Amino acid sequence: MPDLLRTIGGNLARVRSSIAEAAGRAGRRADTIKLVGVTKYVGPEVVRALVAAGLADLAESRPQQLWDKAAALADLPICWHQVGHLQRNKVRRTLPLVAMVESVDSVRLAAAIDQVASELGCRVPVLLEVNISGEAAKHGFAPSEIEGVLAAVAELRHMEVRGLMGMAGLAGDLEDARRQFATLRALRDRLRPVCPNGITLEELSMGMSDDFEVAIEEGATLVRIGSALFEGVL
């Protein structure tokens, strides 16, 4: 465990340093950017080391993995995020475990989240997933749909829409990623003044291990980092 903690701690420090440098280039404060560690490729022992190193905002893309890890690590103060596609039949088991669902990709899913949250007596923070790359294999709303989606979900009282989430395309380079992130930021900035009551769009979740610095330069408030935190472990 000491060697594992040393490795993870060093990786975390480097990622945080890179976040601070990117924020500085953009004239932003590093403390306005939340780092969320994506743990889908590591087991509970490594997750424990990451929490011990000082990161408790963690994410899983598959609900089943989130359920398993939340159970195995229930003694730790982890704030879990669901960042991958969430099927409606998995909402009931997932909501009690998460601090945020970052991947609401249909109005039907939004309605299911609202219904279950109503039954649980809670309000669930969510982000709307936007397919900014246009890749057919990716989930998410088309950018042109988001204004209508905001109107459609405005009456859902047990779900709080706090912003947008997007992923850069797999085929492009960093400049392609930058353009896609800028598109998401511009969409958010255009819609924020006309949002229905109760919807804020303060958050922009974009950027992963290969492109998070560009995402921060383009306005990300949350970055979802996996492999960069686990170098020397995977």
C-alpha atoms as a PDB file:
ATOM      1  CA  MET A   1       0.000   0.000   0.000  1.00  0.00           C
ATOM      2  CA  PRO A   2       2.752   2.589   0.726  1.00  0.00           C
ATOM      3  CA  ASP A   3       4.190   2.208  -2.806  1.00  0.00           C
ATOM      4  CA  LEU A   4       0.718   2.330  -4.332  1.00  0.00           C
ATOM      5  CA  LEU A   5      -0.166   5.427  -2.327  1.00  0.00           C
ATOM      6  CA  ARG A   6       3.101   7.083  -3.358  1.00  0.00           C
ATOM      7  CA  THR A   7       2.444   6.385  -7.042  1.00  0.00           C
ATOM      8  CA  ILE A   8      -1.181   7.510  -6.933  1.00  0.00           C
ATOM      9  CA  GLY A   9      -0.323  10.555  -4.854  1.00  0.00           C
ATOM     10  CA  GLY A  10       2.348  11.606  -7.349  1.00  0.00           C
ATOM     11  CA  ASN A  11      -0.051  11.185 -10.274  1.00  0.00           C
ATOM     12  CA  LEU A  12      -2.733  13.197  -8.503  1.00  0.00           C
ATOM     13  CA  ALA A  13      -0.285  15.988  -7.740  1.00  0.00           C
ATOM     14  CA  ARG A  14       0.784  16.149 -11.405  1.00  0.00           C
ATOM     15  CA  VAL A  15      -2.798  16.267 -12.642  1.00  0.00           C
ATOM     16  CA  ARG A  16      -3.663  19.024 -10.179  1.00  0.00           C
ATOM     17  CA  SER A  17      -0.580  20.967 -11.251  1.00  0.00           C
ATOM     18  CA  SER A  18      -1.636  20.658 -14.898  1.00  0.00           C
ATOM     19  CA  ILE A  19      -5.138  21.836 -13.997  1.00  0.00           C
ATOM     20  CA  ALA A  20      -3.686  24.879 -12.239  1.00  0.00           C
ATOM     21  CA  GLU A  21      -1.417  25.703 -15.193  1.00  0.00           C
ATOM     22  CA  ALA A  22      -4.274  25.413 -17.698  1.00  0.00           C
ATOM     23  CA  ALA A  23      -6.490  27.549 -15.482  1.00  0.00           C
ATOM     24  CA  GLY A  24      -3.754  30.161 -15.270  1.00  0.00           C
ATOM     25  CA  ARG A  25      -3.422  30.290 -19.053  1.00  0.00           C
ATOM     26  CA  ALA A  26      -7.148  30.954 -19.276  1.00  0.00           C
ATOM     27  CA  GLY A  27      -7.116  33.610 -16.552  1.00  0.00           C
ATOM     28  CA  ARG A  28      -9.114  31.370 -14.228  1.00  0.00           C
ATOM     29  CA  ARG A  29      -8.672  30.122 -10.672  1.00  0.00           C
ATOM     30  CA  ALA A  30      -7.864  26.439 -10.283  1.00  0.00           C
ATOM     31  CA  ASP A  31     -10.332  26.128  -7.418  1.00  0.00           C
ATOM     32  CA  THR A  32     -13.210  26.801  -9.837  1.00  0.00           C
ATOM     33  CA  ILE A  33     -12.505  23.472 -11.582  1.00  0.00           C
ATOM     34  CA  LYS A  34     -13.574  20.174 -10.001  1.00  0.00           C
ATOM     35  CA  LEU A  35     -11.455  17.111 -10.667  1.00  0.00           C
ATOM     36  CA  VAL A  36     -13.496  13.903 -10.896  1.00  0.00           C
ATOM     37  CA  GLY A  37     -11.498  10.673 -10.933  1.00  0.00           C
ATOM     38  CA  VAL A  38     -12.857   7.996 -13.268  1.00  0.00           C
ATOM     39  CA  THR A  39     -12.173   4.616 -11.670  1.00  0.00           C
ATOM     40  CA  LYS A  40     -13.600   2.188 -14.222  1.00  0.00           C
ATOM     41  CA  TYR A  41     -10.273   0.461 -14.940  1.00  0.00           C
ATOM     42  CA  VAL A  42      -9.102  -0.024 -11.344  1.00  0.00           C
ATOM     43  CA  GLY A  43     -10.202  -2.097  -8.392  1.00  0.00           C
ATOM     44  CA  PRO A  44     -11.192  -1.080  -4.869  1.00  0.00           C
ATOM     45  CA  GLU A  45      -7.626  -1.193  -3.486  1.00  0.00           C
ATOM     46  CA  VAL A  46      -6.483   1.424  -5.988  1.00  0.00           C
ATOM     47  CA  VAL A  47      -9.575   3.527  -5.346  1.00  0.00           C
ATOM     48  CA  ARG A  48      -8.790   3.447  -1.631  1.00  0.00           C
ATOM     49  CA  ALA A  49      -5.296   4.765  -2.392  1.00  0.00           C
ATOM     50  CA  LEU A  50      -6.760   7.561  -4.506  1.00  0.00           C
ATOM     51  CA  VAL A  51      -9.116   8.616  -1.709  1.00  0.00           C
ATOM     52  CA  ALA A  52      -6.251   8.428   0.788  1.00  0.00           C
ATOM     53  CA  ALA A  53      -4.238  10.683  -1.517  1.00  0.00           C
ATOM     54  CA  GLY A  54      -6.985  13.283  -1.308  1.00  0.00           C
ATOM     55  CA  LEU A  55      -9.524  12.773  -4.105  1.00  0.00           C
ATOM     56  CA  ALA A  56     -13.055  11.803  -3.080  1.00  0.00           C
ATOM     57  CA  ASP A  57     -15.022  12.943  -6.177  1.00  0.00           C
ATOM     58  CA  LEU A  58     -15.068   9.762  -8.257  1.00  0.00           C
ATOM     59  CA  ALA A  59     -16.987   8.445 -11.242  1.00  0.00           C
ATOM     60  CA  GLU A  60     -18.016   5.272 -12.990  1.00  0.00           C
ATOM     61  CA  SER A  61     -19.414   4.902 -16.484  1.00  0.00           C
ATOM     62  CA  ARG A  62     -21.255   1.597 -15.968  1.00  0.00           C
ATOM     63  CA  PRO A  63     -23.941   1.491 -13.277  1.00  0.00           C
ATOM     64  CA  GLN A  64     -23.141  -2.101 -12.278  1.00  0.00           C
ATOM     65  CA  GLN A  65     -19.512  -1.161 -11.584  1.00  0.00           C
ATOM     66  CA  LEU A  66     -20.660   1.850  -9.601  1.00  0.00           C
ATOM     67  CA  TRP A  67     -22.962  -0.349  -7.493  1.00  0.00           C
ATOM     68  CA  ASP A  68     -20.176  -2.836  -6.806  1.00  0.00           C
ATOM     69  CA  LYS A  69     -17.561  -0.227  -5.918  1.00  0.00           C
ATOM     70  CA  ALA A  70     -19.946   1.819  -3.796  1.00  0.00           C
ATOM     71  CA  ALA A  71     -20.686  -1.331  -1.788  1.00  0.00           C
ATOM     72  CA  ALA A  72     -17.026  -2.319  -1.456  1.00  0.00           C
ATOM     73  CA  LEU A  73     -16.002   1.208  -0.422  1.00  0.00           C
ATOM     74  CA  ALA A  74     -19.036   2.188   1.647  1.00  0.00           C
ATOM     75  CA  ASP A  75     -16.794   3.127   4.585  1.00  0.00           C
ATOM     76  CA  LEU A  76     -15.175   5.955   2.587  1.00  0.00           C
ATOM     77  CA  PRO A  77     -16.593   9.487   2.078  1.00  0.00           C
ATOM     78  CA  ILE A  78     -16.823   9.199  -1.726  1.00  0.00           C
ATOM     79  CA  CYS A  79     -19.028  11.468  -3.854  1.00  0.00           C
ATOM     80  CA  TRP A  80     -19.889   9.260  -6.825  1.00  0.00           C
ATOM     81  CA  HIS A  81     -20.772  10.592 -10.278  1.00  0.00           C
ATOM     82  CA  GLN A  82     -22.478   8.519 -12.964  1.00  0.00           C
ATOM     83  CA  VAL A  83     -20.789   9.565 -16.213  1.00  0.00           C
ATOM     84  CA  GLY A  84     -21.781   6.857 -18.704  1.00  0.00           C
ATOM     85  CA  HIS A  85     -25.068   5.884 -20.295  1.00  0.00           C
ATOM     86  CA  LEU A  86     -27.717   5.152 -17.675  1.00  0.00           C
ATOM     87  CA  GLN A  87     -30.594   2.906 -18.666  1.00  0.00           C
ATOM     88  CA  ARG A  88     -33.964   3.729 -17.146  1.00  0.00           C
ATOM     89  CA  ASN A  89     -34.219   0.323 -15.468  1.00  0.00           C
ATOM     90  CA  LYS A  90     -31.033   1.060 -13.513  1.00  0.00           C
ATOM     91  CA  VAL A  91     -32.093   4.473 -12.204  1.00  0.00           C
ATOM     92  CA  ARG A  92     -33.701   3.244  -8.982  1.00  0.00           C
ATOM     93  CA  ARG A  93     -30.611   1.418  -7.785  1.00  0.00           C
ATOM     94  CA  THR A  94     -28.200   4.132  -8.914  1.00  0.00           C
ATOM     95  CA  LEU A  95     -29.722   7.344  -7.543  1.00  0.00           C
ATOM     96  CA  PRO A  96     -29.197   6.643  -3.829  1.00  0.00           C
ATOM     97  CA  LEU A  97     -25.480   6.194  -4.486  1.00  0.00           C
ATOM     98  CA  VAL A  98     -24.607   9.261  -6.549  1.00  0.00           C
ATOM     99  CA  ALA A  99     -24.015  12.963  -6.021  1.00  0.00           C
ATOM    100  CA  MET A 100     -24.618  13.715  -9.706  1.00  0.00           C
ATOM    101  CA  VAL A 101     -25.707  12.063 -12.946  1.00  0.00           C
ATOM    102  CA  GLU A 102     -23.606  13.675 -15.684  1.00  0.00           C
ATOM    103  CA  SER A 103     -25.068  11.745 -18.592  1.00  0.00           C
ATOM    104  CA  VAL A 104     -28.766  12.514 -19.036  1.00  0.00           C
ATOM    105  CA  ASP A 105     -29.159  11.813 -22.745  1.00  0.00           C
ATOM    106  CA  SER A 106     -32.932  11.616 -23.269  1.00  0.00           C
ATOM    107  CA  VAL A 107     -36.099  13.257 -21.972  1.00  0.00           C
ATOM    108  CA  ARG A 108     -37.397   9.801 -21.040  1.00  0.00           C
ATOM    109  CA  LEU A 109     -34.365   9.232 -18.817  1.00  0.00           C
ATOM    110  CA  ALA A 110     -34.864  12.656 -17.241  1.00  0.00           C
ATOM    111  CA  ALA A 111     -38.488  11.770 -16.460  1.00  0.00           C
ATOM    112  CA  ALA A 112     -37.441   8.437 -14.945  1.00  0.00           C
ATOM    113  CA  ILE A 113     -34.848  10.146 -12.735  1.00  0.00           C
ATOM    114  CA  ASP A 114     -37.426  12.688 -11.602  1.00  0.00           C
ATOM    115  CA  GLN A 115     -39.976   9.989 -10.792  1.00  0.00           C
ATOM    116  CA  VAL A 116     -37.560   7.890  -8.734  1.00  0.00           C
ATOM    117  CA  ALA A 117     -36.158  10.967  -6.977  1.00  0.00           C
ATOM    118  CA  SER A 118     -39.711  11.966  -6.056  1.00  0.00           C
ATOM    119  CA  GLU A 119     -40.305   8.542  -4.527  1.00  0.00           C
ATOM    120  CA  LEU A 120     -36.990   8.750  -2.648  1.00  0.00           C
ATOM    121  CA  GLY A 121     -37.740  12.253  -1.410  1.00  0.00           C
ATOM    122  CA  CYS A 122     -34.625  13.834  -2.871  1.00  0.00           C
ATOM    123  CA  ARG A 123     -33.445  16.204  -5.612  1.00  0.00           C
ATOM    124  CA  VAL A 124     -30.827  14.897  -8.030  1.00  0.00           C
ATOM    125  CA  PRO A 125     -28.262  17.182  -9.693  1.00  0.00           C
ATOM    126  CA  VAL A 126     -27.787  16.276 -13.365  1.00  0.00           C
ATOM    127  CA  LEU A 127     -26.003  17.412 -16.494  1.00  0.00           C
ATOM    128  CA  LEU A 128     -27.430  17.085 -19.987  1.00  0.00           C
ATOM    129  CA  GLU A 129     -25.113  15.143 -22.287  1.00  0.00           C
ATOM    130  CA  VAL A 130     -24.503  16.832 -25.633  1.00  0.00           C
ATOM    131  CA  ASN A 131     -23.040  14.960 -28.602  1.00  0.00           C
ATOM    132  CA  ILE A 132     -20.582  17.688 -29.608  1.00  0.00           C
ATOM    133  CA  SER A 133     -18.545  15.436 -31.913  1.00  0.00           C
ATOM    134  CA  GLY A 134     -21.507  14.282 -33.982  1.00  0.00           C
ATOM    135  CA  GLU A 135     -20.279  10.680 -33.815  1.00  0.00           C
ATOM    136  CA  ALA A 136     -23.115   8.207 -34.262  1.00  0.00           C
ATOM    137  CA  ALA A 137     -21.719   5.857 -31.619  1.00  0.00           C
ATOM    138  CA  LYS A 138     -21.889   8.515 -28.891  1.00  0.00           C
ATOM    139  CA  HIS A 139     -24.909   9.138 -26.702  1.00  0.00           C
ATOM    140  CA  GLY A 140     -26.294  12.606 -26.115  1.00  0.00           C
ATOM    141  CA  PHE A 141     -28.548  15.278 -27.517  1.00  0.00           C
ATOM    142  CA  ALA A 142     -27.651  17.164 -30.665  1.00  0.00           C
ATOM    143  CA  PRO A 143     -26.677  20.754 -29.816  1.00  0.00           C
ATOM    144  CA  SER A 144     -29.719  21.994 -31.723  1.00  0.00           C
ATOM    145  CA  GLU A 145     -32.012  20.000 -29.406  1.00  0.00           C
ATOM    146  CA  ILE A 146     -30.883  21.419 -26.082  1.00  0.00           C
ATOM    147  CA  GLU A 147     -33.099  24.502 -25.948  1.00  0.00           C
ATOM    148  CA  GLY A 148     -36.178  22.354 -26.509  1.00  0.00           C
ATOM    149  CA  VAL A 149     -34.970  19.811 -23.954  1.00  0.00           C
ATOM    150  CA  LEU A 150     -34.611  22.525 -21.325  1.00  0.00           C
ATOM    151  CA  ALA A 151     -38.232  23.488 -21.885  1.00  0.00           C
ATOM    152  CA  ALA A 152     -39.305  19.829 -21.730  1.00  0.00           C
ATOM    153  CA  VAL A 153     -37.588  19.127 -18.383  1.00  0.00           C
ATOM    154  CA  ALA A 154     -38.334  22.466 -16.725  1.00  0.00           C
ATOM    155  CA  GLU A 155     -41.311  21.042 -14.837  1.00  0.00           C
ATOM    156  CA  LEU A 156     -39.406  18.104 -13.367  1.00  0.00           C
ATOM    157  CA  ARG A 157     -39.183  19.217  -9.740  1.00  0.00           C
ATOM    158  CA  HIS A 158     -36.945  16.479  -8.330  1.00  0.00           C
ATOM    159  CA  MET A 159     -34.144  16.869 -10.868  1.00  0.00           C
ATOM    160  CA  GLU A 160     -31.799  19.862 -10.954  1.00  0.00           C
ATOM    161  CA  VAL A 161     -30.241  20.599 -14.351  1.00  0.00           C
ATOM    162  CA  ARG A 162     -26.931  22.226 -13.483  1.00  0.00           C
ATOM    163  CA  GLY A 163     -25.156  22.240 -16.818  1.00  0.00           C
ATOM    164  CA  LEU A 164     -23.933  20.362 -19.856  1.00  0.00           C
ATOM    165  CA  MET A 165     -21.523  17.503 -20.470  1.00  0.00           C
ATOM    166  CA  GLY A 166     -19.697  16.574 -23.652  1.00  0.00           C
ATOM    167  CA  MET A 167     -16.866  14.435 -24.999  1.00  0.00           C
ATOM    168  CA  ALA A 168     -14.519  15.245 -27.836  1.00  0.00           C
ATOM    169  CA  GLY A 169     -14.453  12.902 -30.818  1.00  0.00           C
ATOM    170  CA  LEU A 170     -12.077   9.958 -30.867  1.00  0.00           C
ATOM    171  CA  ALA A 171     -10.740  10.627 -34.340  1.00  0.00           C
ATOM    172  CA  GLY A 172      -9.602  14.243 -34.025  1.00  0.00           C
ATOM    173  CA  ASP A 173      -6.586  16.015 -32.571  1.00  0.00           C
ATOM    174  CA  LEU A 174      -6.412  18.579 -29.773  1.00  0.00           C
ATOM    175  CA  GLU A 175      -7.499  21.416 -32.022  1.00  0.00           C
ATOM    176  CA  ASP A 176     -10.578  19.439 -33.040  1.00  0.00           C
ATOM    177  CA  ALA A 177     -11.258  18.865 -29.341  1.00  0.00           C
ATOM    178  CA  ARG A 178     -10.806  22.575 -28.659  1.00  0.00           C
ATOM    179  CA  ARG A 179     -13.371  23.500 -31.316  1.00  0.00           C
ATOM    180  CA  GLN A 180     -15.867  20.999 -29.922  1.00  0.00           C
ATOM    181  CA  PHE A 181     -15.377  22.230 -26.356  1.00  0.00           C
ATOM    182  CA  ALA A 182     -15.746  25.824 -27.525  1.00  0.00           C
ATOM    183  CA  THR A 183     -18.999  24.841 -29.227  1.00  0.00           C
ATOM    184  CA  LEU A 184     -20.350  23.442 -25.953  1.00  0.00           C
ATOM    185  CA  ARG A 185     -19.293  26.543 -24.035  1.00  0.00           C
ATOM    186  CA  ALA A 186     -20.906  28.818 -26.616  1.00  0.00           C
ATOM    187  CA  LEU A 187     -24.114  26.781 -26.454  1.00  0.00           C
ATOM    188  CA  ARG A 188     -24.169  27.081 -22.665  1.00  0.00           C
ATOM    189  CA  ASP A 189     -23.453  30.815 -22.799  1.00  0.00           C
ATOM    190  CA  ARG A 190     -26.228  31.381 -25.345  1.00  0.00           C
ATOM    191  CA  LEU A 191     -28.820  29.420 -23.383  1.00  0.00           C
ATOM    192  CA  ARG A 192     -27.974  30.492 -19.851  1.00  0.00           C
ATOM    193  CA  PRO A 193     -29.818  33.861 -20.012  1.00  0.00           C
ATOM    194  CA  VAL A 194     -33.007  32.237 -21.340  1.00  0.00           C
ATOM    195  CA  CYS A 195     -33.107  29.130 -19.137  1.00  0.00           C
ATOM    196  CA  PRO A 196     -36.413  28.221 -17.519  1.00  0.00           C
ATOM    197  CA  ASN A 197     -36.633  28.849 -13.775  1.00  0.00           C
ATOM    198  CA  GLY A 198     -34.700  26.318 -11.736  1.00  0.00           C
ATOM    199  CA  ILE A 199     -32.144  25.534 -14.444  1.00  0.00           C
ATOM    200  CA  THR A 200     -28.750  27.186 -14.041  1.00  0.00           C
ATOM    201  CA  LEU A 201     -26.286  25.720 -16.596  1.00  0.00           C
ATOM    202  CA  GLU A 202     -23.384  26.742 -14.377  1.00  0.00           C
ATOM    203  CA  GLU A 203     -21.437  23.522 -14.979  1.00  0.00           C
ATOM    204  CA  LEU A 204     -19.529  22.399 -18.067  1.00  0.00           C
ATOM    205  CA  SER A 205     -18.201  18.856 -17.731  1.00  0.00           C
ATOM    206  CA  MET A 206     -15.691  18.283 -20.519  1.00  0.00           C
ATOM    207  CA  GLY A 207     -12.153  17.026 -20.840  1.00  0.00           C
ATOM    208  CA  MET A 208     -10.522  13.685 -20.055  1.00  0.00           C
ATOM    209  CA  SER A 209      -6.915  12.556 -19.592  1.00  0.00           C
ATOM    210  CA  ASP A 210      -5.794  13.394 -23.139  1.00  0.00           C
ATOM    211  CA  ASP A 211      -7.517  16.750 -23.529  1.00  0.00           C
ATOM    212  CA  PHE A 212      -8.469  18.187 -20.125  1.00  0.00           C
ATOM    213  CA  GLU A 213      -6.063  21.119 -20.357  1.00  0.00           C
ATOM    214  CA  VAL A 214      -7.672  22.277 -23.608  1.00  0.00           C
ATOM    215  CA  ALA A 215     -11.098  21.768 -22.026  1.00  0.00           C
ATOM    216  CA  ILE A 216     -10.148  23.978 -19.085  1.00  0.00           C
ATOM    217  CA  GLU A 217      -8.872  26.663 -21.436  1.00  0.00           C
ATOM    218  CA  GLU A 218     -12.289  26.548 -23.124  1.00  0.00           C
ATOM    219  CA  GLY A 219     -14.278  26.820 -19.901  1.00  0.00           C
ATOM    220  CA  ALA A 220     -14.655  23.380 -18.280  1.00  0.00           C
ATOM    221  CA  THR A 221     -15.776  23.451 -14.650  1.00  0.00           C
ATOM    222  CA  LEU A 222     -15.507  19.673 -14.217  1.00  0.00           C
ATOM    223  CA  VAL A 223     -12.874  17.409 -15.779  1.00  0.00           C
ATOM    224  CA  ARG A 224     -13.194  13.616 -15.784  1.00  0.00           C
ATOM    225  CA  ILE A 225      -9.739  12.053 -15.454  1.00  0.00           C
ATOM    226  CA  GLY A 226      -8.972   8.341 -15.497  1.00  0.00           C
ATOM    227  CA  SER A 227      -5.721   6.994 -16.944  1.00  0.00           C
ATOM    228  CA  ALA A 228      -3.586  10.006 -15.980  1.00  0.00           C
ATOM    229  CA  LEU A 229      -4.301   9.247 -12.322  1.00  0.00           C
ATOM    230  CA  PHE A 230      -3.276   5.612 -12.644  1.00  0.00           C
ATOM    231  CA  GLU A 231       0.017   5.724 -14.542  1.00  0.00           C
ATOM    232  CA  GLY A 232       2.316   3.042 -13.174  1.00  0.00           C
ATOM    233  CA  VAL A 233      -0.673   1.134 -11.795  1.00  0.00           C
ATOM    234  CA  LEU A 234      -2.651   0.029 -14.866  1.00  0.00           C
END
